[in-house]
Protein backbone atom coordinates (compact mmCIF):
# COMPACT_ATOMS: atom_id res chain seq x y z
CA UNK A 1 10.70 -122.80 14.40
CA UNK A 2 6.73 -123.69 14.56
CA UNK A 3 5.22 -122.06 11.10
CA UNK A 4 2.58 -120.31 12.55
CA UNK A 5 4.17 -118.45 15.27
CA UNK A 6 4.42 -115.00 14.31
CA UNK A 7 8.07 -114.31 15.76
CA UNK A 8 9.03 -117.34 14.45
CA UNK A 9 7.98 -116.12 11.12
CA UNK A 10 9.78 -112.81 12.04
CA UNK A 11 12.79 -114.53 12.61
CA UNK A 12 13.33 -116.21 9.74
CA UNK A 13 13.18 -113.29 7.12
CA UNK A 14 15.91 -111.57 9.09
CA UNK A 15 18.32 -114.80 9.29
CA UNK A 16 19.47 -114.16 5.88
CA UNK A 17 19.93 -110.58 6.35
CA UNK A 18 22.16 -111.17 10.12
CA UNK A 19 24.37 -113.95 8.31
CA UNK A 20 25.03 -111.07 5.48
CA UNK A 21 26.23 -108.82 7.85
CA UNK A 22 28.19 -111.11 9.43
CA UNK A 23 30.11 -112.37 6.33
CA UNK A 24 30.71 -108.42 5.60
CA UNK A 25 32.00 -107.70 8.54
CA UNK A 26 34.39 -110.95 8.37
CA UNK A 27 35.76 -109.46 5.47
CA UNK A 28 37.66 -106.78 7.75
CA UNK A 29 39.55 -109.70 9.03
CA UNK A 30 40.97 -110.35 5.61
CA UNK A 31 44.44 -109.17 4.49
CA UNK A 32 44.53 -105.32 2.59
CA UNK A 33 41.12 -105.68 2.94
CA UNK A 34 39.14 -102.34 1.64
CA UNK A 35 36.41 -103.08 4.31
CA UNK A 36 36.64 -100.30 7.79
CA UNK A 37 33.65 -100.77 9.48
CA UNK A 38 30.02 -102.57 8.85
CA UNK A 39 26.88 -100.86 9.82
CA UNK A 40 23.94 -102.61 10.83
CA UNK A 41 20.55 -100.64 10.08
CA UNK A 42 22.08 -97.54 9.92
CA UNK A 43 21.00 -95.62 6.56
CA UNK A 44 20.32 -99.02 5.17
CA UNK A 45 20.14 -102.41 5.88
CA UNK A 46 23.50 -102.89 6.07
CA UNK A 47 26.57 -100.36 5.42
CA UNK A 48 29.81 -100.90 4.33
CA UNK A 49 32.43 -98.16 5.10
CA UNK A 50 35.45 -98.45 3.07
CA UNK A 51 39.20 -97.16 3.73
CA UNK A 52 39.10 -94.73 2.08
CA UNK A 53 36.03 -93.35 3.20
CA UNK A 54 33.62 -94.15 0.95
CA UNK A 55 30.49 -96.22 1.69
CA UNK A 56 28.51 -99.23 0.24
CA UNK A 57 24.60 -99.41 1.14
CA UNK A 58 23.56 -102.33 0.91
CA UNK A 59 19.21 -103.38 0.73
CA UNK A 60 19.15 -107.27 1.70
CA UNK A 61 15.36 -108.81 1.04
CA UNK A 62 14.20 -111.68 2.12
CA UNK A 63 11.75 -114.61 0.22
CA UNK A 64 10.37 -117.89 1.16
CA UNK A 65 12.00 -120.46 -1.41
CA UNK A 66 8.19 -121.41 -3.05
CA UNK A 67 7.08 -117.45 -3.81
CA UNK A 68 7.67 -116.16 -6.99
CA UNK A 69 10.94 -114.14 -8.25
CA UNK A 70 11.23 -111.50 -7.52
CA UNK A 71 10.21 -108.55 -10.26
CA UNK A 72 11.65 -104.62 -10.64
CA UNK A 73 7.53 -104.04 -9.88
CA UNK A 74 7.52 -105.72 -6.53
CA UNK A 75 6.92 -102.90 -4.08
CA UNK A 76 10.07 -104.49 -2.11
CA UNK A 77 12.40 -104.24 -5.06
CA UNK A 78 11.41 -100.11 -6.35
CA UNK A 79 11.44 -99.21 -2.40
CA UNK A 80 14.97 -100.69 -1.73
CA UNK A 81 15.62 -98.21 -5.78
CA UNK A 82 14.15 -95.11 -4.19
CA UNK A 83 16.34 -95.50 -0.83
CA UNK A 84 19.35 -95.74 -3.25
CA UNK A 85 18.10 -92.75 -4.78
CA UNK A 86 17.77 -91.40 -2.62
CA UNK A 87 20.49 -91.49 -0.16
CA UNK A 88 22.83 -90.54 -3.41
CA UNK A 89 21.11 -87.47 -3.68
CA UNK A 90 21.57 -86.51 0.11
CA UNK A 91 25.03 -87.84 0.02
CA UNK A 92 26.66 -86.88 -2.96
CA UNK A 93 29.66 -88.35 -4.07
CA UNK A 94 29.91 -90.49 -0.87
CA UNK A 95 29.27 -93.72 -1.90
CA UNK A 96 31.13 -95.74 -4.31
CA UNK A 97 27.71 -98.98 -5.19
CA UNK A 98 24.66 -99.80 -4.38
CA UNK A 99 23.68 -103.73 -3.67
CA UNK A 100 20.52 -105.12 -4.09
CA UNK A 101 20.84 -108.56 -1.83
CA UNK A 102 18.59 -111.43 -1.39
CA UNK A 103 17.98 -114.64 -0.53
CA UNK A 104 16.04 -115.73 -3.40
CA UNK A 105 16.16 -115.06 -7.24
CA UNK A 106 15.43 -112.41 -9.39
CA UNK A 107 12.60 -112.69 -12.38
CA UNK A 108 14.45 -113.44 -15.89
CA UNK A 109 13.19 -111.85 -19.28
CA UNK A 110 13.21 -109.75 -21.76
CA UNK A 111 11.09 -106.91 -20.38
CA UNK A 112 11.08 -104.59 -17.50
CA UNK A 113 10.25 -106.99 -14.84
CA UNK A 114 13.71 -107.96 -14.91
CA UNK A 115 15.58 -105.66 -12.79
CA UNK A 116 18.74 -106.94 -14.79
CA UNK A 117 17.14 -104.86 -18.02
CA UNK A 118 16.53 -101.67 -16.03
CA UNK A 119 20.43 -101.36 -14.37
CA UNK A 120 21.93 -102.57 -17.49
CA UNK A 121 20.11 -99.71 -19.45
CA UNK A 122 21.09 -97.09 -17.35
CA UNK A 123 24.95 -98.30 -17.29
CA UNK A 124 24.76 -98.86 -21.02
CA UNK A 125 22.36 -96.77 -23.18
CA UNK A 126 21.11 -94.20 -20.29
CA UNK A 127 20.38 -91.45 -22.69
CA UNK A 128 17.67 -94.22 -24.69
CA UNK A 129 19.43 -94.45 -27.90
CA UNK A 130 17.19 -96.28 -30.58
CA UNK A 131 14.06 -96.22 -27.86
CA UNK A 132 10.84 -95.50 -28.25
CA UNK A 133 8.93 -93.35 -26.58
CA UNK A 134 6.74 -95.84 -25.28
CA UNK A 135 9.01 -97.88 -23.08
CA UNK A 136 8.56 -99.35 -20.27
CA UNK A 137 11.88 -99.03 -18.97
CA UNK A 138 11.99 -95.19 -19.65
CA UNK A 139 8.18 -95.00 -17.70
CA UNK A 140 9.66 -96.88 -14.69
CA UNK A 141 12.54 -94.58 -14.44
CA UNK A 142 10.43 -91.57 -15.08
CA UNK A 143 7.95 -93.16 -11.77
CA UNK A 144 11.15 -93.60 -9.53
CA UNK A 145 11.69 -90.05 -10.21
CA UNK A 146 8.44 -88.54 -9.00
CA UNK A 147 8.70 -90.95 -6.12
CA UNK A 148 11.68 -89.55 -4.75
CA UNK A 149 11.61 -85.78 -5.89
CA UNK A 150 15.13 -86.66 -7.83
CA UNK A 151 16.27 -85.56 -11.38
CA UNK A 152 15.50 -88.38 -13.85
CA UNK A 153 19.12 -88.09 -14.75
CA UNK A 154 20.54 -88.36 -11.16
CA UNK A 155 18.23 -91.94 -10.93
CA UNK A 156 19.65 -93.28 -14.19
CA UNK A 157 22.55 -92.72 -12.81
CA UNK A 158 22.59 -93.81 -9.44
CA UNK A 159 21.02 -97.21 -10.79
CA UNK A 160 24.03 -97.55 -12.95
CA UNK A 161 25.67 -98.15 -9.65
CA UNK A 162 23.42 -101.15 -8.16
CA UNK A 163 24.45 -104.18 -8.42
CA UNK A 164 21.73 -107.30 -7.54
CA UNK A 165 23.21 -110.01 -5.82
CA UNK A 166 20.71 -113.02 -6.43
CA UNK A 167 20.41 -116.87 -4.75
CA UNK A 168 21.88 -117.54 -0.84
CA UNK A 169 25.14 -116.32 0.42
CA UNK A 170 26.45 -119.18 2.85
CA UNK A 171 30.06 -119.52 4.55
CA UNK A 172 30.84 -122.18 2.41
CA UNK A 173 33.47 -125.24 4.54
CA UNK A 174 36.28 -123.68 2.12
CA UNK A 175 35.78 -119.84 3.49
CA UNK A 176 35.38 -121.23 6.95
CA UNK A 177 38.33 -123.41 6.65
CA UNK A 178 40.78 -121.07 5.31
CA UNK A 179 39.34 -118.50 8.39
CA UNK A 180 40.12 -121.13 11.15
CA UNK A 181 43.90 -121.30 9.32
CA UNK A 182 44.57 -117.34 9.66
CA UNK A 183 43.13 -117.15 12.96
CA UNK A 184 44.98 -120.21 13.48
CA UNK A 185 48.00 -118.74 12.60
CA UNK A 186 47.59 -115.30 13.82
CA UNK A 187 47.20 -117.02 17.63
CA UNK A 188 49.57 -119.30 17.57
CA UNK A 189 52.05 -116.67 16.72
CA UNK A 190 51.21 -114.42 19.36
CA UNK A 191 50.56 -117.08 21.65
CA UNK A 192 46.98 -116.37 22.33
CA UNK A 193 45.19 -119.64 21.08
CA UNK A 194 45.00 -122.91 23.50
CA UNK A 195 47.13 -126.22 22.58
CA UNK A 196 44.51 -129.29 22.66
CA UNK A 197 46.22 -132.53 21.78
CA UNK A 198 45.56 -134.94 18.72
CA UNK A 199 44.53 -138.94 18.88
CA UNK A 200 47.99 -138.57 17.21
CA UNK A 201 49.61 -137.14 19.81
CA UNK A 202 50.42 -134.10 17.80
CA UNK A 203 49.51 -130.52 19.17
CA UNK A 204 46.80 -128.08 17.62
CA UNK A 205 46.14 -124.21 18.66
CA UNK A 206 42.75 -123.49 18.89
CA UNK A 207 41.51 -120.42 18.55
CA UNK A 208 39.58 -118.64 21.47
CA UNK A 209 36.30 -116.32 20.56
CA UNK A 210 37.48 -113.01 20.19
CA UNK A 211 36.31 -109.47 19.98
CA UNK A 212 36.15 -107.21 16.59
CA UNK A 213 37.08 -103.58 17.04
CA UNK A 214 34.04 -101.30 18.33
CA UNK A 215 33.05 -99.59 14.91
CA UNK A 216 33.19 -96.20 15.67
CA UNK A 217 31.09 -96.88 19.02
CA UNK A 218 27.95 -98.49 17.38
CA UNK A 219 29.02 -102.08 17.60
CA UNK A 220 31.26 -104.76 19.24
CA UNK A 221 30.81 -107.87 17.76
CA UNK A 222 31.62 -111.31 18.87
CA UNK A 223 32.66 -113.84 16.79
CA UNK A 224 32.91 -117.42 17.44
CA UNK A 225 35.40 -119.41 16.54
CA UNK A 226 35.68 -123.27 17.64
CA UNK A 227 37.68 -125.97 16.04
CA UNK A 228 36.74 -126.56 12.49
CA UNK A 229 35.04 -129.95 12.11
CA UNK A 230 37.59 -133.30 11.79
CA UNK A 231 36.68 -133.58 8.45
CA UNK A 232 38.53 -130.22 8.18
CA UNK A 233 41.29 -130.76 10.31
């Protein structure tokens, strides 16, 4: 990609979100998976519907590696937390959790700028026991309540369900091999795979590209599954 091109920059920013959503979609194929459907850009960046009908809302934030870590005071982070609070208030009892995912890292420290401190407070000490009235986390939560017009007790309850997912999510070789082996077995048993001949003469079933079921009329995702690299064969 050429750095000066605005379109390339946009694609670079959304690449992580696309990959993240694809990996979540692949979880549908896992045995006894609790993921029933994955929706993109519907209520949240990524919305997971579980087999029990509950939802997990995911906001995905990306940042170039030469930039500073995400802080809770960043507009993008506050905006995501505000969206979670509004969604939870609008659809009470439907969400089992929320995730703030990023390809980067979150600021680490002892104060309000570290998102983990805010989420931990909401989970473990929502009444702010032993904390002074000028505590910055209390002020932060009040600010979210004012911004979203959601009662502060509901804000704390929603943030207690939020998990943050730092660092890159990559389709590692071990996961790729496990997925390939699972599809190979599935297609060999069903007779839908294509046979290819190895140099040593043995036959190997090569999985074909396949369609995931259409998710309630919204998405039909094609997942190409070529043969694994020779190193993993």
